[in-house]
Amino acid sequence: MSYENAVQVLVIVLGFAILVGYHLRLYIRLHRRPETTSIGLANHMRSLWVENMMKEGRKDVLPVQTLRNLTMAASFLASTAIIVGLGILNLAVTSETTPEAPKLLMLFGFNNHTLWTIKLMLLWAVFLFCFYNFMMAVRYYNHTALLINVPPDQHIADALHRPGYLIRLPPITGAAPGVRMVADVLNQGAAHYTLGMRGYYLVIPMALWLVGAFWFFLGALGLTLVLRRIDSAG
């Protein structure tokens, strides 16, 4: 392996290390100190919203419209992800030549066209990941739309859902088991929505990787700085 290729490999590894390291740190904070993150605070506010809607027995348009908006947003993003993903997959399968614009170099014995195809397949996998999570978000939002209209004392805890492990918050103080279960369902949908959006964010450095390794590193570094600001509760 030439010196230039070795530098590119090192840059790519550093870019992935930055992204993975940041999200591991965020995952730990969400479990230990969720109140220090915007995701944790949003989860807590959703739980309070569910308690308010169920405690007051509100059957008006507010909960229905809110959940409808969430479902429509997730459905639109899921549709976009699968359409773009299928387009990228078609390009990866049918492409026979490598574009001249991206300055691709040989890595680990792969020729330029092989490396180009691998990058496209990885980008396709990212969009497939987005599609899956947005569809799961729609599933949980639909469950919430039904469960939130059932009186809290008539819910059977854990009959339809067990809390996920992505984000775990303390239970609502004094809330009925039914309220906590509905809040868990809504927050689980929000967790999948968050993962889907993370996949969309990841498209930025992955798309820049098609141009070159150093562009990927700059995209990963810039994305991490932006996410650090977005995820902070302060």
C-alpha atoms as a PDB file:
ATOM      1  CA  MET A   1       0.000   0.000   0.000  1.00  0.00           C
ATOM      2  CA  SER A   2       1.384   3.361  -1.009  1.00  0.00           C
ATOM      3  CA  TYR A   3       1.817   6.274   1.382  1.00  0.00           C
ATOM      4  CA  GLU A   4      -1.061   8.192  -0.239  1.00  0.00           C
ATOM      5  CA  ASN A   5      -3.434   5.248   0.116  1.00  0.00           C
ATOM      6  CA  ALA A   6      -2.391   4.738   3.739  1.00  0.00           C
ATOM      7  CA  VAL A   7      -3.176   8.382   4.515  1.00  0.00           C
ATOM      8  CA  GLN A   8      -6.633   7.998   2.971  1.00  0.00           C
ATOM      9  CA  VAL A   9      -7.344   4.882   5.028  1.00  0.00           C
ATOM     10  CA  LEU A  10      -6.245   6.688   8.195  1.00  0.00           C
ATOM     11  CA  VAL A  11      -8.480   9.663   7.383  1.00  0.00           C
ATOM     12  CA  ILE A  12     -11.488   7.416   6.793  1.00  0.00           C
ATOM     13  CA  VAL A  13     -10.884   5.512  10.026  1.00  0.00           C
ATOM     14  CA  LEU A  14     -10.591   8.777  11.961  1.00  0.00           C
ATOM     15  CA  GLY A  15     -13.854  10.014  10.442  1.00  0.00           C
ATOM     16  CA  PHE A  16     -15.748   6.892  11.464  1.00  0.00           C
ATOM     17  CA  ALA A  17     -14.085   6.975  14.898  1.00  0.00           C
ATOM     18  CA  ILE A  18     -15.339  10.527  15.454  1.00  0.00           C
ATOM     19  CA  LEU A  19     -18.918   9.602  14.520  1.00  0.00           C
ATOM     20  CA  VAL A  20     -19.012   6.357  16.496  1.00  0.00           C
ATOM     21  CA  GLY A  21     -17.264   7.853  19.525  1.00  0.00           C
ATOM     22  CA  TYR A  22     -19.640  10.800  19.688  1.00  0.00           C
ATOM     23  CA  HIS A  23     -22.747   8.619  19.518  1.00  0.00           C
ATOM     24  CA  LEU A  24     -21.397   6.198  22.121  1.00  0.00           C
ATOM     25  CA  ARG A  25     -20.858   9.143  24.444  1.00  0.00           C
ATOM     26  CA  LEU A  26     -24.379  10.411  23.692  1.00  0.00           C
ATOM     27  CA  TYR A  27     -25.843   6.955  24.381  1.00  0.00           C
ATOM     28  CA  ILE A  28     -24.145   6.832  27.776  1.00  0.00           C
ATOM     29  CA  ARG A  29     -25.419  10.313  28.661  1.00  0.00           C
ATOM     30  CA  LEU A  30     -28.953   9.344  27.677  1.00  0.00           C
ATOM     31  CA  HIS A  31     -28.858   6.468  30.156  1.00  0.00           C
ATOM     32  CA  ARG A  32     -27.021   8.174  32.998  1.00  0.00           C
ATOM     33  CA  ARG A  33     -28.075  11.827  32.704  1.00  0.00           C
ATOM     34  CA  PRO A  34     -30.904  12.150  30.179  1.00  0.00           C
ATOM     35  CA  GLU A  35     -31.805  15.595  31.510  1.00  0.00           C
ATOM     36  CA  THR A  36     -28.534  16.957  30.086  1.00  0.00           C
ATOM     37  CA  THR A  37     -29.574  16.146  26.500  1.00  0.00           C
ATOM     38  CA  SER A  38     -32.275  17.622  24.287  1.00  0.00           C
ATOM     39  CA  ILE A  39     -33.432  14.089  23.434  1.00  0.00           C
ATOM     40  CA  GLY A  40     -33.944  13.235  27.092  1.00  0.00           C
ATOM     41  CA  LEU A  41     -35.820  16.462  27.798  1.00  0.00           C
ATOM     42  CA  ALA A  42     -38.065  15.953  24.766  1.00  0.00           C
ATOM     43  CA  ASN A  43     -38.839  12.422  25.964  1.00  0.00           C
ATOM     44  CA  HIS A  44     -39.782  13.734  29.383  1.00  0.00           C
ATOM     45  CA  MET A  45     -42.041  16.407  27.885  1.00  0.00           C
ATOM     46  CA  ARG A  46     -43.779  13.808  25.738  1.00  0.00           C
ATOM     47  CA  SER A  47     -44.427  11.745  28.855  1.00  0.00           C
ATOM     48  CA  LEU A  48     -45.982  14.753  30.587  1.00  0.00           C
ATOM     49  CA  TRP A  49     -48.062  15.452  27.481  1.00  0.00           C
ATOM     50  CA  VAL A  50     -49.439  11.904  27.505  1.00  0.00           C
ATOM     51  CA  GLU A  51     -50.275  12.211  31.206  1.00  0.00           C
ATOM     52  CA  ASN A  52     -52.066  15.510  30.599  1.00  0.00           C
ATOM     53  CA  MET A  53     -54.073  14.148  27.656  1.00  0.00           C
ATOM     54  CA  MET A  54     -55.160  11.001  29.514  1.00  0.00           C
ATOM     55  CA  LYS A  55     -55.724  12.534  32.933  1.00  0.00           C
ATOM     56  CA  GLU A  56     -58.051  15.182  31.618  1.00  0.00           C
ATOM     57  CA  GLY A  57     -59.778  12.698  29.361  1.00  0.00           C
ATOM     58  CA  ARG A  58     -59.409  15.009  26.371  1.00  0.00           C
ATOM     59  CA  LYS A  59     -61.194  13.650  23.338  1.00  0.00           C
ATOM     60  CA  ASP A  60     -60.797  16.776  21.224  1.00  0.00           C
ATOM     61  CA  VAL A  61     -58.675  17.283  18.137  1.00  0.00           C
ATOM     62  CA  LEU A  62     -55.391  18.105  19.943  1.00  0.00           C
ATOM     63  CA  PRO A  63     -54.006  14.576  20.547  1.00  0.00           C
ATOM     64  CA  VAL A  64     -55.358  13.326  17.229  1.00  0.00           C
ATOM     65  CA  GLN A  65     -53.868  16.213  15.260  1.00  0.00           C
ATOM     66  CA  THR A  66     -50.535  15.982  17.074  1.00  0.00           C
ATOM     67  CA  LEU A  67     -50.144  12.266  16.393  1.00  0.00           C
ATOM     68  CA  ARG A  68     -51.351  12.759  12.824  1.00  0.00           C
ATOM     69  CA  ASN A  69     -48.622  15.309  12.204  1.00  0.00           C
ATOM     70  CA  LEU A  70     -45.990  12.964  13.647  1.00  0.00           C
ATOM     71  CA  THR A  71     -47.221  10.085  11.489  1.00  0.00           C
ATOM     72  CA  MET A  72     -47.286  12.186   8.326  1.00  0.00           C
ATOM     73  CA  ALA A  73     -43.735  13.437   8.912  1.00  0.00           C
ATOM     74  CA  ALA A  74     -42.401   9.924   9.507  1.00  0.00           C
ATOM     75  CA  SER A  75     -44.290   8.545   6.479  1.00  0.00           C
ATOM     76  CA  PHE A  76     -42.930  11.270   4.190  1.00  0.00           C
ATOM     77  CA  LEU A  77     -39.350  10.705   5.351  1.00  0.00           C
ATOM     78  CA  ALA A  78     -39.734   6.920   5.014  1.00  0.00           C
ATOM     79  CA  SER A  79     -41.044   7.273   1.456  1.00  0.00           C
ATOM     80  CA  THR A  80     -38.195   9.598   0.551  1.00  0.00           C
ATOM     81  CA  ALA A  81     -35.603   7.227   2.036  1.00  0.00           C
ATOM     82  CA  ILE A  82     -36.832   4.144   0.163  1.00  0.00           C
ATOM     83  CA  ILE A  83     -37.118   6.000  -3.178  1.00  0.00           C
ATOM     84  CA  VAL A  84     -33.624   7.503  -2.930  1.00  0.00           C
ATOM     85  CA  GLY A  85     -32.244   4.206  -1.628  1.00  0.00           C
ATOM     86  CA  LEU A  86     -33.659   2.235  -4.563  1.00  0.00           C
ATOM     87  CA  GLY A  87     -32.208   4.811  -6.951  1.00  0.00           C
ATOM     88  CA  ILE A  88     -28.762   4.408  -5.390  1.00  0.00           C
ATOM     89  CA  LEU A  89     -29.077   0.608  -5.476  1.00  0.00           C
ATOM     90  CA  ASN A  90     -29.982   0.732  -9.161  1.00  0.00           C
ATOM     91  CA  LEU A  91     -26.945   2.937  -9.844  1.00  0.00           C
ATOM     92  CA  ALA A  92     -24.656   0.565  -7.931  1.00  0.00           C
ATOM     93  CA  VAL A  93     -25.948  -2.516  -9.745  1.00  0.00           C
ATOM     94  CA  THR A  94     -26.092  -1.151 -13.285  1.00  0.00           C
ATOM     95  CA  SER A  95     -23.070   1.147 -13.278  1.00  0.00           C
ATOM     96  CA  GLU A  96     -20.182  -0.233 -15.308  1.00  0.00           C
ATOM     97  CA  THR A  97     -17.783   2.687 -15.152  1.00  0.00           C
ATOM     98  CA  THR A  98     -16.557   5.000 -12.437  1.00  0.00           C
ATOM     99  CA  PRO A  99     -17.197   8.746 -12.859  1.00  0.00           C
ATOM    100  CA  GLU A 100     -14.121  10.839 -13.451  1.00  0.00           C
ATOM    101  CA  ALA A 101     -15.028  13.542 -10.933  1.00  0.00           C
ATOM    102  CA  PRO A 102     -14.421  11.535  -7.724  1.00  0.00           C
ATOM    103  CA  LYS A 103     -10.698  10.993  -7.338  1.00  0.00           C
ATOM    104  CA  LEU A 104     -10.875   7.391  -6.147  1.00  0.00           C
ATOM    105  CA  LEU A 105      -7.663   5.579  -5.300  1.00  0.00           C
ATOM    106  CA  MET A 106      -6.939   1.921  -4.808  1.00  0.00           C
ATOM    107  CA  LEU A 107      -7.609   0.679  -1.246  1.00  0.00           C
ATOM    108  CA  PHE A 108      -6.740  -2.809  -0.026  1.00  0.00           C
ATOM    109  CA  GLY A 109      -6.448  -4.148  -3.556  1.00  0.00           C
ATOM    110  CA  PHE A 110      -9.834  -2.940  -4.809  1.00  0.00           C
ATOM    111  CA  ASN A 111      -9.906  -1.137  -8.116  1.00  0.00           C
ATOM    112  CA  ASN A 112     -11.607   2.205  -8.477  1.00  0.00           C
ATOM    113  CA  HIS A 113     -14.897   0.870  -9.790  1.00  0.00           C
ATOM    114  CA  THR A 114     -15.129  -1.705  -7.012  1.00  0.00           C
ATOM    115  CA  LEU A 115     -14.531   0.940  -4.363  1.00  0.00           C
ATOM    116  CA  TRP A 116     -17.118   3.217  -6.005  1.00  0.00           C
ATOM    117  CA  THR A 117     -19.678   0.393  -5.884  1.00  0.00           C
ATOM    118  CA  ILE A 118     -18.906  -0.326  -2.227  1.00  0.00           C
ATOM    119  CA  LYS A 119     -19.458   3.309  -1.318  1.00  0.00           C
ATOM    120  CA  LEU A 120     -22.792   3.335  -3.142  1.00  0.00           C
ATOM    121  CA  MET A 121     -23.865   0.147  -1.348  1.00  0.00           C
ATOM    122  CA  LEU A 122     -22.972   1.671   2.021  1.00  0.00           C
ATOM    123  CA  LEU A 123     -24.959   4.788   1.143  1.00  0.00           C
ATOM    124  CA  TRP A 124     -27.886   2.558   0.137  1.00  0.00           C
ATOM    125  CA  ALA A 125     -27.648   0.755   3.501  1.00  0.00           C
ATOM    126  CA  VAL A 126     -27.906   4.108   5.294  1.00  0.00           C
ATOM    127  CA  PHE A 127     -31.138   4.960   3.470  1.00  0.00           C
ATOM    128  CA  LEU A 128     -32.474   1.466   4.188  1.00  0.00           C
ATOM    129  CA  PHE A 129     -31.718   2.059   7.874  1.00  0.00           C
ATOM    130  CA  CYS A 130     -33.640   5.347   7.706  1.00  0.00           C
ATOM    131  CA  PHE A 131     -36.615   3.667   6.035  1.00  0.00           C
ATOM    132  CA  TYR A 132     -36.807   0.944   8.676  1.00  0.00           C
ATOM    133  CA  ASN A 133     -36.731   3.360  11.601  1.00  0.00           C
ATOM    134  CA  PHE A 134     -39.285   5.759  10.149  1.00  0.00           C
ATOM    135  CA  MET A 135     -41.636   2.854   9.468  1.00  0.00           C
ATOM    136  CA  MET A 136     -41.206   1.674  13.056  1.00  0.00           C
ATOM    137  CA  ALA A 137     -41.962   5.227  14.205  1.00  0.00           C
ATOM    138  CA  VAL A 138     -45.222   5.146  12.217  1.00  0.00           C
ATOM    139  CA  ARG A 139     -46.088   1.831  13.868  1.00  0.00           C
ATOM    140  CA  TYR A 140     -45.628   3.186  17.391  1.00  0.00           C
ATOM    141  CA  TYR A 141     -47.434   6.445  16.615  1.00  0.00           C
ATOM    142  CA  ASN A 142     -50.427   4.449  15.351  1.00  0.00           C
ATOM    143  CA  HIS A 143     -50.441   2.400  18.563  1.00  0.00           C
ATOM    144  CA  THR A 144     -50.309   5.602  20.597  1.00  0.00           C
ATOM    145  CA  ALA A 145     -53.288   7.072  18.744  1.00  0.00           C
ATOM    146  CA  LEU A 146     -55.414   4.168  19.949  1.00  0.00           C
ATOM    147  CA  LEU A 147     -53.990   3.707  23.424  1.00  0.00           C
ATOM    148  CA  ILE A 148     -54.192   7.366  24.403  1.00  0.00           C
ATOM    149  CA  ASN A 149     -58.008   7.267  24.141  1.00  0.00           C
ATOM    150  CA  VAL A 150     -58.349   4.343  26.545  1.00  0.00           C
ATOM    151  CA  PRO A 151     -58.869   5.242  30.239  1.00  0.00           C
ATOM    152  CA  PRO A 152     -55.618   4.715  32.207  1.00  0.00           C
ATOM    153  CA  ASP A 153     -57.191   2.227  34.615  1.00  0.00           C
ATOM    154  CA  GLN A 154     -58.251  -0.049  31.733  1.00  0.00           C
ATOM    155  CA  HIS A 155     -54.783  -0.534  30.272  1.00  0.00           C
ATOM    156  CA  ILE A 156     -53.001  -3.854  30.657  1.00  0.00           C
ATOM    157  CA  ALA A 157     -49.355  -3.047  31.316  1.00  0.00           C
ATOM    158  CA  ASP A 158     -46.868  -4.583  28.861  1.00  0.00           C
ATOM    159  CA  ALA A 159     -49.647  -6.222  26.853  1.00  0.00           C
ATOM    160  CA  LEU A 160     -48.584  -4.501  23.633  1.00  0.00           C
ATOM    161  CA  HIS A 161     -45.203  -3.051  24.419  1.00  0.00           C
ATOM    162  CA  ARG A 162     -42.126  -3.254  26.585  1.00  0.00           C
ATOM    163  CA  PRO A 163     -39.960  -0.146  26.969  1.00  0.00           C
ATOM    164  CA  GLY A 164     -36.955  -0.005  24.666  1.00  0.00           C
ATOM    165  CA  TYR A 165     -33.338   0.426  25.678  1.00  0.00           C
ATOM    166  CA  LEU A 166     -32.402   3.404  23.535  1.00  0.00           C
ATOM    167  CA  ILE A 167     -33.726   5.984  25.995  1.00  0.00           C
ATOM    168  CA  ARG A 168     -34.916   5.033  29.480  1.00  0.00           C
ATOM    169  CA  LEU A 169     -36.315   7.757  31.707  1.00  0.00           C
ATOM    170  CA  PRO A 170     -37.612   7.548  35.292  1.00  0.00           C
ATOM    171  CA  PRO A 171     -41.349   6.808  35.438  1.00  0.00           C
ATOM    172  CA  ILE A 172     -43.807   9.664  35.843  1.00  0.00           C
ATOM    173  CA  THR A 173     -44.376  10.226  39.542  1.00  0.00           C
ATOM    174  CA  GLY A 174     -47.858   9.237  40.624  1.00  0.00           C
ATOM    175  CA  ALA A 175     -49.017   8.291  37.122  1.00  0.00           C
ATOM    176  CA  ALA A 176     -51.174   5.247  36.498  1.00  0.00           C
ATOM    177  CA  PRO A 177     -49.543   2.205  34.838  1.00  0.00           C
ATOM    178  CA  GLY A 178     -51.598   2.866  31.718  1.00  0.00           C
ATOM    179  CA  VAL A 179     -50.183   6.384  31.400  1.00  0.00           C
ATOM    180  CA  ARG A 180     -46.633   5.127  31.743  1.00  0.00           C
ATOM    181  CA  MET A 181     -47.227   2.443  29.111  1.00  0.00           C
ATOM    182  CA  VAL A 182     -48.660   4.901  26.580  1.00  0.00           C
ATOM    183  CA  ALA A 183     -45.784   7.300  27.257  1.00  0.00           C
ATOM    184  CA  ASP A 184     -43.328   4.446  26.656  1.00  0.00           C
ATOM    185  CA  VAL A 185     -45.004   3.606  23.341  1.00  0.00           C
ATOM    186  CA  LEU A 186     -44.860   7.234  22.182  1.00  0.00           C
ATOM    187  CA  ASN A 187     -41.247   7.624  23.290  1.00  0.00           C
ATOM    188  CA  GLN A 188     -40.282   4.411  21.550  1.00  0.00           C
ATOM    189  CA  GLY A 189     -41.724   5.800  18.330  1.00  0.00           C
ATOM    190  CA  ALA A 190     -39.808   9.030  18.912  1.00  0.00           C
ATOM    191  CA  ALA A 191     -36.621   7.009  19.468  1.00  0.00           C
ATOM    192  CA  HIS A 192     -37.007   5.352  16.066  1.00  0.00           C
ATOM    193  CA  TYR A 193     -37.737   8.749  14.523  1.00  0.00           C
ATOM    194  CA  THR A 194     -34.521  10.052  16.068  1.00  0.00           C
ATOM    195  CA  LEU A 195     -32.553   7.121  14.653  1.00  0.00           C
ATOM    196  CA  GLY A 196     -34.051   7.748  11.234  1.00  0.00           C
ATOM    197  CA  MET A 197     -32.995  11.395  11.370  1.00  0.00           C
ATOM    198  CA  ARG A 198     -29.505  10.331  12.471  1.00  0.00           C
ATOM    199  CA  GLY A 199     -29.349   8.221   9.344  1.00  0.00           C
ATOM    200  CA  TYR A 200     -30.286  11.220   7.230  1.00  0.00           C
ATOM    201  CA  TYR A 201     -27.548  13.234   8.924  1.00  0.00           C
ATOM    202  CA  LEU A 202     -25.054  10.458   8.199  1.00  0.00           C
ATOM    203  CA  VAL A 203     -25.831  10.808   4.493  1.00  0.00           C
ATOM    204  CA  ILE A 204     -23.834  14.068   4.474  1.00  0.00           C
ATOM    205  CA  PRO A 205     -20.373  12.580   5.164  1.00  0.00           C
ATOM    206  CA  MET A 206     -21.219   9.380   3.267  1.00  0.00           C
ATOM    207  CA  ALA A 207     -22.129  11.378   0.159  1.00  0.00           C
ATOM    208  CA  LEU A 208     -18.964  13.452   0.517  1.00  0.00           C
ATOM    209  CA  TRP A 209     -17.001  10.207   0.631  1.00  0.00           C
ATOM    210  CA  LEU A 210     -17.994   9.674  -3.004  1.00  0.00           C
ATOM    211  CA  VAL A 211     -15.854  12.715  -3.790  1.00  0.00           C
ATOM    212  CA  GLY A 212     -12.890  11.812  -1.612  1.00  0.00           C
ATOM    213  CA  ALA A 213     -11.655  10.577   1.751  1.00  0.00           C
ATOM    214  CA  PHE A 214     -10.700  14.007   3.060  1.00  0.00           C
ATOM    215  CA  TRP A 215     -14.140  15.378   2.209  1.00  0.00           C
ATOM    216  CA  PHE A 216     -15.616  12.508   4.236  1.00  0.00           C
ATOM    217  CA  PHE A 217     -13.454  13.425   7.214  1.00  0.00           C
ATOM    218  CA  LEU A 218     -14.456  17.093   7.006  1.00  0.00           C
ATOM    219  CA  GLY A 219     -18.112  16.113   6.715  1.00  0.00           C
ATOM    220  CA  ALA A 220     -17.878  13.796   9.735  1.00  0.00           C
ATOM    221  CA  LEU A 221     -16.118  16.436  11.809  1.00  0.00           C
ATOM    222  CA  GLY A 222     -18.575  19.174  10.829  1.00  0.00           C
ATOM    223  CA  LEU A 223     -21.592  16.929  11.443  1.00  0.00           C
ATOM    224  CA  THR A 224     -20.295  16.004  14.903  1.00  0.00           C
ATOM    225  CA  LEU A 225     -19.893  19.643  15.852  1.00  0.00           C
ATOM    226  CA  VAL A 226     -23.422  20.436  14.695  1.00  0.00           C
ATOM    227  CA  LEU A 227     -24.914  17.416  16.496  1.00  0.00           C
ATOM    228  CA  ARG A 228     -23.059  18.342  19.672  1.00  0.00           C
ATOM    229  CA  ARG A 229     -24.869  21.657  19.645  1.00  0.00           C
ATOM    230  CA  ILE A 230     -28.237  20.121  18.768  1.00  0.00           C
ATOM    231  CA  ASP A 231     -28.061  17.343  21.378  1.00  0.00           C
ATOM    232  CA  SER A 232     -27.031  19.585  24.254  1.00  0.00           C
ATOM    233  CA  ALA A 233     -29.764  20.625  26.676  1.00  0.00           C
ATOM    234  CA  GLY A 234     -27.885  23.745  27.721  1.00  0.00           C
END
